[in-house]
Protein backbone atom coordinates (compact mmCIF):
# COMPACT_ATOMS: atom_id res chain seq x y z
CA MET A 1 23.07 13.69 10.43
CA ASN A 2 24.34 11.23 7.83
CA ASP A 3 21.70 8.63 8.79
CA LEU A 4 18.92 11.19 8.52
CA GLY A 5 20.09 12.13 5.03
CA LYS A 6 20.08 8.49 3.91
CA PHE A 7 16.63 7.98 5.35
CA LEU A 8 15.24 11.06 3.59
CA VAL A 9 16.72 10.02 0.23
CA ILE A 10 15.31 6.49 0.55
CA ALA A 11 11.91 7.81 1.69
CA GLY A 12 11.84 10.22 -1.26
CA LEU A 13 12.68 7.47 -3.73
CA LEU A 14 9.99 5.22 -2.28
CA LEU A 15 7.46 8.03 -2.46
CA ALA A 16 8.41 8.73 -6.08
CA ALA A 17 8.12 5.02 -6.93
CA ALA A 18 4.69 4.85 -5.30
CA GLY A 19 3.65 7.91 -7.29
CA VAL A 20 4.74 6.29 -10.54
CA VAL A 21 2.81 3.12 -9.68
CA VAL A 22 -0.36 5.11 -8.94
CA TRP A 23 0.10 7.29 -12.00
CA THR A 24 0.47 4.32 -14.38
CA GLY A 25 -2.57 2.59 -12.91
CA PHE A 26 -0.73 -0.61 -11.98
CA GLY A 27 -2.88 -2.76 -9.72
CA ARG A 28 -6.11 -1.03 -10.63
CA GLY A 29 -7.66 -4.33 -11.73
CA TRP A 30 -6.90 -6.42 -8.65
CA LEU A 31 -5.90 -4.09 -5.83
CA GLY A 32 -8.93 -3.67 -3.59
CA ARG A 33 -10.69 -6.64 -5.14
CA LEU A 34 -8.83 -9.44 -3.40
CA PRO A 35 -10.60 -12.43 -1.86
CA GLY A 36 -11.27 -11.36 1.71
CA ASP A 37 -12.26 -7.79 0.88
CA VAL A 38 -15.73 -7.18 2.28
CA HIS A 39 -18.46 -5.88 -0.06
CA TYR A 40 -22.00 -5.49 1.24
CA THR A 41 -24.88 -3.78 -0.55
CA LYS A 42 -28.46 -3.50 0.66
CA GLY A 43 -30.72 -0.96 -1.00
CA HIS A 44 -29.02 2.42 -0.91
CA PHE A 45 -26.47 1.30 1.69
CA ARG A 46 -23.02 0.15 0.57
CA LEU A 47 -20.21 -1.05 2.79
CA TYR A 48 -16.74 -1.73 1.44
CA PHE A 49 -13.86 -2.75 3.68
CA PRO A 50 -10.65 -3.90 1.92
CA LEU A 51 -9.51 -6.29 4.68
CA ALA A 52 -7.24 -8.48 2.54
CA THR A 53 -5.76 -5.45 0.78
CA CYS A 54 -4.99 -3.82 4.13
CA LEU A 55 -3.29 -7.00 5.35
CA LEU A 56 -1.23 -7.24 2.15
CA VAL A 57 -0.09 -3.62 2.41
CA SER A 58 0.72 -4.12 6.09
CA VAL A 59 2.87 -7.17 5.39
CA LEU A 60 4.71 -5.42 2.57
CA LEU A 61 5.41 -2.33 4.68
CA THR A 62 6.54 -4.48 7.62
CA LEU A 63 9.00 -6.35 5.40
CA LEU A 64 10.23 -3.10 3.87
CA PHE A 65 10.84 -1.46 7.24
CA TRP A 66 12.49 -4.62 8.55
CA LEU A 67 14.89 -4.66 5.59
CA PHE A 68 15.84 -1.00 6.04
CA ARG A 69 16.34 -1.44 9.77
CA LYS A 70 19.15 -3.94 9.21
């Protein structure tokens, strides 16, 4: 039960930190506008796929989980 408690505390702190980052607007200027994010507009049709942003978030989460696994 001790490991579960540590995990919940760490997950709560990470969630709170993510909330603060979103609340302050950090990354609003560049996040989602990285080179490699796909923007396509034709008439009334718009397609937006943040490929580079998804890869960046995936790498960061992978590193974070790898660090906490050790």
